[in-house]
Amino acid sequence: MRLRMLGVSVVAAAVMAGLAAAPAQAVQGGSAPARITTSHHHHHGYHFGKGRTDLTLDPAAAAALTSLGVRVSPVLARVSHPGGKTVFGFTIVGNPADGTIEHVGGLLLRAGRTCLSLTSYTIDLNRGVLSGKVDFRTRADLFTIGAATPDGVTLALTAPAAALLNKTFGVTAFTAGLVIGYGNPMLRK
């Protein structure tokens, strides 16, 4: 299948799953609109939807989660480990032409008997944020979208998301601006 890669400026995907060692690049309000580039790749694995967003978990984020005793499980998402990295794939649904990229699925974070689900991710290209439903109820801004990297655009925790993680898991390790991963949305042509 041919895919259009959504690219460089203000696109991302996500997952609420951790923290990294370095702060994210600040996302300025009114950032440039997303640029769409065309790439011709063949991919097998789309069963429904309008494409997929892959999120590569930052290795420091994965190590930090492990050290905190937090396990991350996919909810209606695929997980793979190319080159030792953890990559989650979320199906794109909705109408991306309206400036949002909506997804099915999400992640379940668990430490002992404590669980937190973050699902139904929406990338808002106009605001430069990724939101999701917390425990299948309330929608909240989870990440800001930052600079492009070879793995995708950076995703950094928002202040409310960091506070939610700290409160849920009884820690102080999560702070606003910490990069947790790299998002790469791909639309079917």
N, C-alpha and C. Protein backbone atom coordinates (compact mmCIF):
# COMPACT_ATOMS: atom_id res chain seq x y z
N MET A 1 0.83 -1.17 0.00
CA MET A 1 0.00 0.00 0.00
C MET A 1 0.87 1.24 0.00
N ARG A 2 0.41 2.24 -0.64
CA ARG A 2 1.15 3.49 -0.64
C ARG A 2 0.76 4.30 0.57
N LEU A 3 1.72 4.94 1.14
CA LEU A 3 1.48 5.74 2.34
C LEU A 3 1.95 7.15 2.11
N ARG A 4 1.26 8.08 2.68
CA ARG A 4 1.76 9.44 2.78
C ARG A 4 2.31 9.60 4.17
N MET A 5 3.51 10.06 4.27
CA MET A 5 4.09 10.30 5.58
C MET A 5 3.71 11.71 5.99
N LEU A 6 3.14 11.87 7.16
CA LEU A 6 2.91 13.20 7.69
C LEU A 6 4.18 13.59 8.36
N GLY A 7 4.59 14.79 8.15
CA GLY A 7 5.94 14.99 8.51
C GLY A 7 6.26 16.14 9.37
N VAL A 8 7.21 16.78 9.16
CA VAL A 8 8.28 17.40 9.85
C VAL A 8 7.87 18.39 10.93
N SER A 9 6.96 19.30 10.71
CA SER A 9 6.81 20.40 11.65
C SER A 9 6.03 20.06 12.89
N VAL A 10 4.73 19.80 12.70
CA VAL A 10 3.89 19.71 13.89
C VAL A 10 2.98 18.50 13.79
N VAL A 11 3.56 17.31 13.75
CA VAL A 11 2.76 16.11 13.82
C VAL A 11 3.37 15.17 14.83
N ALA A 12 2.58 14.36 15.40
CA ALA A 12 3.12 13.43 16.38
C ALA A 12 2.09 12.41 16.75
N ALA A 13 2.51 11.50 17.51
CA ALA A 13 1.62 10.52 18.05
C ALA A 13 2.00 10.27 19.46
N ALA A 14 1.21 9.42 19.96
CA ALA A 14 1.60 9.32 21.29
C ALA A 14 1.05 8.26 22.12
N VAL A 15 1.68 8.46 23.19
CA VAL A 15 1.38 7.55 24.23
C VAL A 15 1.82 8.20 25.52
N MET A 16 1.14 7.90 26.50
CA MET A 16 1.50 8.45 27.79
C MET A 16 2.25 7.37 28.51
N ALA A 17 3.58 7.43 28.44
CA ALA A 17 4.29 6.28 28.99
C ALA A 17 5.63 6.59 29.57
N GLY A 18 5.92 7.78 30.00
CA GLY A 18 7.22 7.83 30.62
C GLY A 18 7.86 9.16 30.70
N LEU A 19 9.18 9.11 30.84
CA LEU A 19 9.95 10.31 30.91
C LEU A 19 11.30 10.07 30.31
N ALA A 20 11.97 11.12 29.95
CA ALA A 20 13.31 11.00 29.39
C ALA A 20 14.27 11.83 30.19
N ALA A 21 15.52 11.73 29.86
CA ALA A 21 16.55 12.42 30.63
C ALA A 21 16.69 13.89 30.27
N ALA A 22 16.25 14.30 29.09
CA ALA A 22 16.47 15.68 28.66
C ALA A 22 15.16 16.38 28.40
N PRO A 23 15.08 17.70 28.66
CA PRO A 23 13.87 18.45 28.37
C PRO A 23 13.64 18.57 26.87
N ALA A 24 12.37 18.66 26.50
CA ALA A 24 12.03 18.82 25.09
C ALA A 24 12.29 20.25 24.66
N GLN A 25 12.40 20.42 23.36
CA GLN A 25 12.48 21.77 22.81
C GLN A 25 11.14 22.44 23.08
N ALA A 26 11.17 23.69 23.45
CA ALA A 26 9.92 24.40 23.73
C ALA A 26 9.12 24.54 22.45
N VAL A 27 7.83 24.33 22.57
CA VAL A 27 6.94 24.49 21.42
C VAL A 27 6.35 25.88 21.52
N GLN A 28 6.60 26.68 20.53
CA GLN A 28 6.11 28.05 20.52
C GLN A 28 4.68 28.08 20.01
N GLY A 29 3.85 28.91 20.63
CA GLY A 29 2.49 29.09 20.14
C GLY A 29 2.52 29.61 18.73
N GLY A 30 1.54 29.24 17.92
CA GLY A 30 1.47 29.71 16.55
C GLY A 30 2.57 29.14 15.68
N SER A 31 2.98 27.92 15.93
CA SER A 31 4.03 27.34 15.13
C SER A 31 3.54 27.11 13.70
N ALA A 32 4.49 26.88 12.82
CA ALA A 32 4.18 26.71 11.41
C ALA A 32 3.26 25.51 11.20
N PRO A 33 2.40 25.58 10.19
CA PRO A 33 1.51 24.46 9.93
C PRO A 33 2.31 23.23 9.49
N ALA A 34 1.71 22.08 9.68
CA ALA A 34 2.36 20.83 9.31
C ALA A 34 2.59 20.78 7.81
N ARG A 35 3.72 20.22 7.42
CA ARG A 35 4.03 20.05 6.01
C ARG A 35 3.81 18.58 5.67
N ILE A 36 3.13 18.31 4.59
CA ILE A 36 2.88 16.95 4.19
C ILE A 36 3.82 16.61 3.05
N THR A 37 4.56 15.52 3.21
CA THR A 37 5.44 15.06 2.15
C THR A 37 4.96 13.70 1.70
N THR A 38 5.32 13.34 0.50
CA THR A 38 4.88 12.07 -0.05
C THR A 38 6.04 11.10 -0.06
N SER A 39 5.76 9.91 0.38
CA SER A 39 6.74 8.84 0.37
C SER A 39 6.04 7.58 -0.10
N HIS A 40 6.69 6.81 -0.94
CA HIS A 40 6.06 5.60 -1.47
C HIS A 40 6.68 4.40 -0.79
N HIS A 41 5.95 3.85 0.16
CA HIS A 41 6.39 2.67 0.88
C HIS A 41 5.31 1.62 0.77
N HIS A 42 5.71 0.37 0.80
CA HIS A 42 4.74 -0.71 0.86
C HIS A 42 4.73 -1.22 2.27
N HIS A 43 3.54 -1.40 2.82
CA HIS A 43 3.43 -1.88 4.19
C HIS A 43 2.24 -2.81 4.29
N HIS A 44 2.44 -3.89 4.95
CA HIS A 44 1.35 -4.83 5.17
C HIS A 44 1.08 -4.83 6.66
N GLY A 45 -0.16 -4.73 7.06
CA GLY A 45 -0.46 -4.72 8.48
C GLY A 45 -1.59 -3.77 8.82
N TYR A 46 -2.05 -2.97 7.86
CA TYR A 46 -3.22 -2.14 8.09
C TYR A 46 -4.45 -3.01 7.87
N HIS A 47 -5.28 -3.11 8.87
CA HIS A 47 -6.49 -3.91 8.71
C HIS A 47 -7.71 -3.02 8.56
N PHE A 48 -7.68 -1.85 9.12
CA PHE A 48 -8.76 -0.88 8.98
C PHE A 48 -8.16 0.48 9.29
N GLY A 49 -8.94 1.51 9.14
CA GLY A 49 -8.46 2.85 9.46
C GLY A 49 -7.82 3.53 8.28
N LYS A 50 -7.30 4.71 8.55
CA LYS A 50 -6.74 5.57 7.51
C LYS A 50 -5.23 5.62 7.56
N GLY A 51 -4.62 4.77 8.35
CA GLY A 51 -3.18 4.73 8.47
C GLY A 51 -2.80 4.34 9.88
N ARG A 52 -1.57 4.66 10.24
CA ARG A 52 -1.07 4.29 11.56
C ARG A 52 -0.06 5.33 12.01
N THR A 53 -0.05 5.57 13.31
CA THR A 53 0.99 6.39 13.91
C THR A 53 1.86 5.48 14.75
N ASP A 54 3.16 5.51 14.47
CA ASP A 54 4.12 4.77 15.28
C ASP A 54 4.74 5.70 16.29
N LEU A 55 4.89 5.22 17.51
CA LEU A 55 5.58 5.96 18.55
C LEU A 55 6.76 5.12 19.03
N THR A 56 7.95 5.66 18.86
CA THR A 56 9.15 5.01 19.37
C THR A 56 9.42 5.56 20.76
N LEU A 57 9.37 4.71 21.76
CA LEU A 57 9.62 5.13 23.13
C LEU A 57 11.09 5.47 23.30
N ASP A 58 11.37 6.62 23.88
CA ASP A 58 12.74 7.03 24.13
C ASP A 58 13.40 5.99 25.06
N PRO A 59 14.62 5.52 24.76
CA PRO A 59 15.26 4.52 25.61
C PRO A 59 15.39 4.95 27.07
N ALA A 60 15.65 6.23 27.32
CA ALA A 60 15.73 6.72 28.70
C ALA A 60 14.36 6.66 29.37
N ALA A 61 13.29 6.91 28.60
CA ALA A 61 11.93 6.81 29.15
C ALA A 61 11.63 5.37 29.53
N ALA A 62 11.99 4.44 28.66
CA ALA A 62 11.75 3.03 28.96
C ALA A 62 12.50 2.60 30.21
N ALA A 63 13.76 3.02 30.34
CA ALA A 63 14.56 2.67 31.53
C ALA A 63 13.97 3.29 32.79
N ALA A 64 13.51 4.54 32.69
CA ALA A 64 12.93 5.22 33.85
C ALA A 64 11.64 4.53 34.31
N LEU A 65 10.81 4.14 33.36
CA LEU A 65 9.58 3.44 33.72
C LEU A 65 9.89 2.13 34.43
N THR A 66 10.84 1.39 33.90
CA THR A 66 11.24 0.14 34.52
C THR A 66 11.74 0.38 35.94
N SER A 67 12.56 1.41 36.13
CA SER A 67 13.10 1.70 37.47
C SER A 67 12.00 2.11 38.45
N LEU A 68 10.90 2.68 37.95
CA LEU A 68 9.78 3.06 38.80
C LEU A 68 8.79 1.91 39.00
N GLY A 69 9.05 0.79 38.35
CA GLY A 69 8.15 -0.37 38.48
C GLY A 69 6.88 -0.24 37.66
N VAL A 70 6.87 0.62 36.64
CA VAL A 70 5.69 0.85 35.81
C VAL A 70 5.80 0.01 34.54
N ARG A 71 4.81 -0.84 34.31
CA ARG A 71 4.73 -1.63 33.08
C ARG A 71 3.77 -0.95 32.13
N VAL A 72 4.11 -0.96 30.84
CA VAL A 72 3.27 -0.34 29.81
C VAL A 72 2.75 -1.44 28.89
N SER A 73 1.42 -1.49 28.73
CA SER A 73 0.80 -2.48 27.86
C SER A 73 -0.05 -1.79 26.81
N PRO A 74 -0.03 -2.28 25.57
CA PRO A 74 -0.86 -1.67 24.53
C PRO A 74 -2.33 -2.03 24.69
N VAL A 75 -3.20 -1.10 24.33
CA VAL A 75 -4.65 -1.31 24.30
C VAL A 75 -5.08 -1.10 22.85
N LEU A 76 -5.51 -2.16 22.18
CA LEU A 76 -5.89 -2.08 20.77
C LEU A 76 -4.80 -1.42 19.94
N ALA A 77 -3.57 -1.79 20.19
CA ALA A 77 -2.42 -1.25 19.47
C ALA A 77 -1.40 -2.36 19.29
N ARG A 78 -0.54 -2.20 18.32
CA ARG A 78 0.51 -3.20 18.13
C ARG A 78 1.77 -2.71 18.82
N VAL A 79 2.63 -3.66 19.17
CA VAL A 79 3.93 -3.31 19.76
C VAL A 79 4.98 -4.15 19.05
N SER A 80 6.12 -3.53 18.75
CA SER A 80 7.22 -4.24 18.13
C SER A 80 8.52 -3.73 18.76
N HIS A 81 9.60 -4.45 18.47
CA HIS A 81 10.90 -4.10 19.08
C HIS A 81 12.02 -4.11 18.05
N PRO A 82 11.93 -3.27 17.01
CA PRO A 82 12.99 -3.25 16.01
C PRO A 82 14.28 -2.66 16.60
N GLY A 83 15.37 -3.35 16.40
CA GLY A 83 16.66 -2.85 16.89
C GLY A 83 16.70 -2.63 18.39
N GLY A 84 15.87 -3.35 19.14
CA GLY A 84 15.86 -3.20 20.59
C GLY A 84 15.04 -2.03 21.11
N LYS A 85 14.45 -1.24 20.20
CA LYS A 85 13.58 -0.13 20.61
C LYS A 85 12.16 -0.64 20.77
N THR A 86 11.37 0.06 21.61
CA THR A 86 9.95 -0.27 21.75
C THR A 86 9.14 0.69 20.91
N VAL A 87 8.34 0.14 19.98
CA VAL A 87 7.52 0.94 19.08
C VAL A 87 6.07 0.50 19.22
N PHE A 88 5.18 1.47 19.51
CA PHE A 88 3.74 1.21 19.58
C PHE A 88 3.11 1.76 18.31
N GLY A 89 2.14 1.03 17.74
CA GLY A 89 1.44 1.46 16.54
C GLY A 89 -0.04 1.65 16.81
N PHE A 90 -0.56 2.84 16.51
CA PHE A 90 -1.96 3.18 16.77
C PHE A 90 -2.66 3.48 15.45
N THR A 91 -3.83 2.87 15.22
CA THR A 91 -4.59 3.06 14.00
C THR A 91 -5.22 4.45 13.95
N ILE A 92 -5.05 5.11 12.79
CA ILE A 92 -5.63 6.44 12.56
C ILE A 92 -7.06 6.27 12.04
N VAL A 93 -7.99 7.04 12.62
CA VAL A 93 -9.38 7.07 12.18
C VAL A 93 -9.80 8.53 12.03
N GLY A 94 -11.02 8.78 11.64
CA GLY A 94 -11.49 10.17 11.54
C GLY A 94 -11.08 10.80 10.22
N ASN A 95 -11.08 12.13 10.19
CA ASN A 95 -10.77 12.88 8.98
C ASN A 95 -9.57 13.78 9.22
N PRO A 96 -8.35 13.32 8.92
CA PRO A 96 -7.16 14.14 9.16
C PRO A 96 -7.17 15.48 8.43
N ALA A 97 -7.98 15.62 7.39
CA ALA A 97 -8.04 16.88 6.65
C ALA A 97 -8.57 18.03 7.52
N ASP A 98 -9.21 17.72 8.65
CA ASP A 98 -9.75 18.77 9.51
C ASP A 98 -8.73 19.33 10.50
N GLY A 99 -7.46 18.91 10.38
CA GLY A 99 -6.42 19.44 11.26
C GLY A 99 -6.19 18.61 12.51
N THR A 100 -6.87 17.47 12.61
CA THR A 100 -6.65 16.56 13.73
C THR A 100 -6.39 15.16 13.20
N ILE A 101 -5.60 14.41 13.95
CA ILE A 101 -5.36 13.00 13.62
C ILE A 101 -5.82 12.20 14.83
N GLU A 102 -6.91 11.47 14.65
CA GLU A 102 -7.51 10.71 15.75
C GLU A 102 -7.10 9.25 15.66
N HIS A 103 -6.99 8.60 16.83
CA HIS A 103 -6.50 7.23 16.90
C HIS A 103 -7.40 6.33 17.72
N VAL A 104 -7.35 5.05 17.41
CA VAL A 104 -7.97 4.00 18.20
C VAL A 104 -6.89 3.44 19.11
N GLY A 105 -7.27 3.07 20.32
CA GLY A 105 -6.33 2.41 21.22
C GLY A 105 -5.59 3.36 22.12
N GLY A 106 -4.58 2.83 22.78
CA GLY A 106 -3.79 3.62 23.70
C GLY A 106 -2.89 2.73 24.53
N LEU A 107 -2.63 3.15 25.74
CA LEU A 107 -1.74 2.41 26.63
C LEU A 107 -2.33 2.28 28.02
N LEU A 108 -1.98 1.19 28.66
CA LEU A 108 -2.31 0.95 30.06
C LEU A 108 -1.01 0.95 30.83
N LEU A 109 -0.89 1.83 31.84
CA LEU A 109 0.29 1.89 32.70
C LEU A 109 -0.08 1.25 34.03
N ARG A 110 0.76 0.33 34.49
CA ARG A 110 0.43 -0.42 35.71
C ARG A 110 1.67 -0.55 36.58
N ALA A 111 1.47 -0.28 37.87
CA ALA A 111 2.50 -0.53 38.88
C ALA A 111 1.78 -1.19 40.05
N GLY A 112 2.01 -2.49 40.24
CA GLY A 112 1.29 -3.22 41.27
C GLY A 112 -0.20 -3.22 40.96
N ARG A 113 -1.01 -2.74 41.90
CA ARG A 113 -2.46 -2.68 41.70
C ARG A 113 -2.92 -1.34 41.14
N THR A 114 -2.00 -0.42 40.95
CA THR A 114 -2.34 0.90 40.42
C THR A 114 -2.30 0.89 38.90
N CYS A 115 -3.40 1.33 38.28
CA CYS A 115 -3.50 1.36 36.81
C CYS A 115 -3.93 2.73 36.33
N LEU A 116 -3.43 3.12 35.17
CA LEU A 116 -3.83 4.35 34.51
C LEU A 116 -3.93 4.06 33.03
N SER A 117 -5.11 4.32 32.43
CA SER A 117 -5.25 4.12 30.99
C SER A 117 -5.28 5.48 30.30
N LEU A 118 -4.58 5.55 29.18
CA LEU A 118 -4.52 6.74 28.34
C LEU A 118 -4.82 6.28 26.92
N THR A 119 -5.99 6.67 26.39
CA THR A 119 -6.48 6.13 25.12
C THR A 119 -7.06 7.22 24.24
N SER A 120 -7.48 6.80 23.05
CA SER A 120 -8.18 7.69 22.09
C SER A 120 -7.39 8.96 21.82
N TYR A 121 -6.14 8.79 21.42
CA TYR A 121 -5.26 9.94 21.19
C TYR A 121 -5.73 10.78 20.01
N THR A 122 -5.61 12.10 20.17
CA THR A 122 -5.89 13.04 19.08
C THR A 122 -4.72 14.01 18.98
N ILE A 123 -4.13 14.08 17.80
CA ILE A 123 -3.09 15.07 17.52
C ILE A 123 -3.79 16.29 16.95
N ASP A 124 -3.62 17.43 17.59
CA ASP A 124 -4.19 18.69 17.12
C ASP A 124 -3.06 19.46 16.44
N LEU A 125 -3.07 19.47 15.11
CA LEU A 125 -2.00 20.12 14.35
C LEU A 125 -1.98 21.63 14.53
N ASN A 126 -3.12 22.22 14.79
CA ASN A 126 -3.20 23.68 14.96
C ASN A 126 -2.61 24.13 16.29
N ARG A 127 -2.84 23.35 17.35
CA ARG A 127 -2.34 23.73 18.68
C ARG A 127 -0.99 23.11 19.00
N GLY A 128 -0.56 22.10 18.24
CA GLY A 128 0.72 21.45 18.51
C GLY A 128 0.70 20.61 19.77
N VAL A 129 -0.43 19.94 20.03
CA VAL A 129 -0.54 19.09 21.22
C VAL A 129 -1.17 17.75 20.85
N LEU A 130 -0.92 16.78 21.70
CA LEU A 130 -1.56 15.47 21.61
C LEU A 130 -2.37 15.29 22.88
N SER A 131 -3.66 15.00 22.72
CA SER A 131 -4.52 14.77 23.88
C SER A 131 -4.97 13.32 23.89
N GLY A 132 -5.53 12.90 25.02
CA GLY A 132 -6.05 11.55 25.14
C GLY A 132 -7.05 11.47 26.27
N LYS A 133 -7.80 10.38 26.31
CA LYS A 133 -8.75 10.17 27.38
C LYS A 133 -8.06 9.48 28.55
N VAL A 134 -8.26 10.03 29.74
CA VAL A 134 -7.69 9.49 30.96
C VAL A 134 -8.73 8.55 31.57
N ASP A 135 -8.34 7.29 31.75
CA ASP A 135 -9.24 6.26 32.28
C ASP A 135 -10.58 6.22 31.55
N PHE A 136 -10.53 6.39 30.23
CA PHE A 136 -11.69 6.29 29.34
C PHE A 136 -12.76 7.36 29.60
N ARG A 137 -12.40 8.44 30.31
CA ARG A 137 -13.40 9.45 30.65
C ARG A 137 -13.03 10.82 30.12
N THR A 138 -12.18 11.52 30.83
CA THR A 138 -11.89 12.92 30.56
C THR A 138 -10.74 13.08 29.57
N ARG A 139 -10.92 13.95 28.58
CA ARG A 139 -9.84 14.24 27.63
C ARG A 139 -8.92 15.29 28.23
N ALA A 140 -7.61 15.07 28.08
CA ALA A 140 -6.61 16.00 28.62
C ALA A 140 -5.45 16.13 27.64
N ASP A 141 -4.82 17.31 27.62
CA ASP A 141 -3.60 17.50 26.82
C ASP A 141 -2.47 16.75 27.51
N LEU A 142 -1.87 15.79 26.79
CA LEU A 142 -0.83 14.95 27.37
C LEU A 142 0.58 15.36 26.97
N PHE A 143 0.76 15.75 25.69
CA PHE A 143 2.08 16.05 25.17
C PHE A 143 2.07 17.31 24.31
N THR A 144 3.19 17.99 24.29
CA THR A 144 3.44 19.02 23.29
C THR A 144 4.30 18.39 22.20
N ILE A 145 4.14 18.89 21.00
CA ILE A 145 4.85 18.35 19.84
C ILE A 145 6.04 19.25 19.56
N GLY A 146 7.21 18.64 19.40
CA GLY A 146 8.44 19.41 19.23
C GLY A 146 9.17 19.13 17.94
N ALA A 147 10.47 19.18 18.02
CA ALA A 147 11.36 19.10 16.86
C ALA A 147 11.35 17.73 16.18
N ALA A 148 11.63 17.76 14.89
CA ALA A 148 11.74 16.52 14.12
C ALA A 148 13.08 15.85 14.40
N THR A 149 13.06 14.52 14.48
CA THR A 149 14.27 13.70 14.65
C THR A 149 14.19 12.56 13.64
N PRO A 150 15.24 11.77 13.50
CA PRO A 150 15.16 10.62 12.59
C PRO A 150 14.07 9.62 12.97
N ASP A 151 13.67 9.55 14.25
CA ASP A 151 12.63 8.63 14.69
C ASP A 151 11.23 9.23 14.63
N GLY A 152 11.11 10.53 14.36
CA GLY A 152 9.82 11.20 14.35
C GLY A 152 9.92 12.48 15.16
N VAL A 153 8.80 13.16 15.34
CA VAL A 153 8.80 14.39 16.12
C VAL A 153 8.78 14.07 17.61
N THR A 154 9.39 14.94 18.40
CA THR A 154 9.45 14.70 19.84
C THR A 154 8.10 14.93 20.50
N LEU A 155 7.84 14.17 21.55
CA LEU A 155 6.65 14.33 22.37
C LEU A 155 7.11 14.59 23.80
N ALA A 156 6.70 15.72 24.35
CA ALA A 156 7.12 16.12 25.70
C ALA A 156 5.90 16.24 26.60
N LEU A 157 6.04 15.78 27.84
CA LEU A 157 4.94 15.84 28.80
C LEU A 157 4.47 17.26 29.04
N THR A 158 3.14 17.45 29.12
CA THR A 158 2.60 18.73 29.57
C THR A 158 2.66 18.75 31.10
N ALA A 159 2.53 19.92 31.69
CA ALA A 159 2.53 20.02 33.16
C ALA A 159 1.39 19.21 33.78
N PRO A 160 0.15 19.29 33.25
CA PRO A 160 -0.92 18.48 33.84
C PRO A 160 -0.67 16.97 33.71
N ALA A 161 -0.10 16.53 32.60
CA ALA A 161 0.19 15.11 32.42
C ALA A 161 1.25 14.65 33.40
N ALA A 162 2.29 15.45 33.59
CA ALA A 162 3.35 15.11 34.56
C ALA A 162 2.76 15.01 35.97
N ALA A 163 1.90 15.97 36.33
CA ALA A 163 1.27 15.96 37.65
C ALA A 163 0.39 14.71 37.82
N LEU A 164 -0.34 14.34 36.78
CA LEU A 164 -1.19 13.15 36.83
C LEU A 164 -0.36 11.89 37.07
N LEU A 165 0.73 11.75 36.35
CA LEU A 165 1.60 10.58 36.52
C LEU A 165 2.20 10.53 37.93
N ASN A 166 2.68 11.67 38.40
CA ASN A 166 3.26 11.72 39.75
C ASN A 166 2.24 11.33 40.81
N LYS A 167 1.03 11.89 40.70
CA LYS A 167 -0.02 11.60 41.68
C LYS A 167 -0.44 10.13 41.61
N THR A 168 -0.65 9.62 40.40
CA THR A 168 -1.11 8.24 40.23
C THR A 168 -0.12 7.24 40.80
N PHE A 169 1.18 7.44 40.52
CA PHE A 169 2.18 6.45 40.91
C PHE A 169 2.96 6.84 42.17
N GLY A 170 2.59 7.95 42.82
CA GLY A 170 3.21 8.34 44.08
C GLY A 170 4.69 8.65 43.96
N VAL A 171 5.04 9.37 42.88
CA VAL A 171 6.45 9.73 42.64
C VAL A 171 6.54 11.22 42.34
N THR A 172 7.77 11.70 42.16
CA THR A 172 7.99 13.10 41.75
C THR A 172 8.88 13.16 40.52
N ALA A 173 9.05 12.03 39.85
CA ALA A 173 10.00 11.91 38.74
C ALA A 173 9.55 12.57 37.44
N PHE A 174 8.26 12.76 37.25
CA PHE A 174 7.75 13.29 35.99
C PHE A 174 7.64 14.81 36.04
N THR A 175 8.22 15.48 35.05
CA THR A 175 8.16 16.94 34.99
C THR A 175 7.75 17.39 33.59
N ALA A 176 7.17 18.57 33.52
CA ALA A 176 6.76 19.13 32.23
C ALA A 176 7.98 19.31 31.34
N GLY A 177 7.81 19.01 30.06
CA GLY A 177 8.88 19.22 29.09
C GLY A 177 9.79 18.03 28.87
N LEU A 178 9.60 16.96 29.61
CA LEU A 178 10.46 15.79 29.42
C LEU A 178 10.00 15.00 28.20
N VAL A 179 10.93 14.69 27.31
CA VAL A 179 10.63 13.93 26.10
C VAL A 179 10.45 12.46 26.45
N ILE A 180 9.35 11.88 25.99
CA ILE A 180 9.11 10.47 26.26
C ILE A 180 9.20 9.61 25.01
N GLY A 181 9.12 10.23 23.85
CA GLY A 181 9.17 9.42 22.64
C GLY A 181 9.13 10.27 21.39
N TYR A 182 9.00 9.56 20.26
CA TYR A 182 9.07 10.18 18.94
C TYR A 182 7.94 9.63 18.08
N GLY A 183 7.08 10.53 17.59
CA GLY A 183 5.90 10.12 16.84
C GLY A 183 6.08 10.21 15.33
N ASN A 184 5.50 9.25 14.61
CA ASN A 184 5.60 9.21 13.16
C ASN A 184 4.26 8.78 12.56
N PRO A 185 3.34 9.72 12.30
CA PRO A 185 2.05 9.38 11.68
C PRO A 185 2.20 9.11 10.19
N MET A 186 1.52 8.09 9.70
CA MET A 186 1.52 7.74 8.28
C MET A 186 0.08 7.52 7.83
N LEU A 187 -0.33 8.23 6.78
CA LEU A 187 -1.68 8.09 6.24
C LEU A 187 -1.65 7.22 5.00
N ARG A 188 -2.70 6.42 4.84
CA ARG A 188 -2.84 5.67 3.60
C ARG A 188 -3.22 6.63 2.50
N LYS A 189 -2.73 6.37 1.33
CA LYS A 189 -3.06 7.20 0.17
C LYS A 189 -4.35 6.75 -0.44
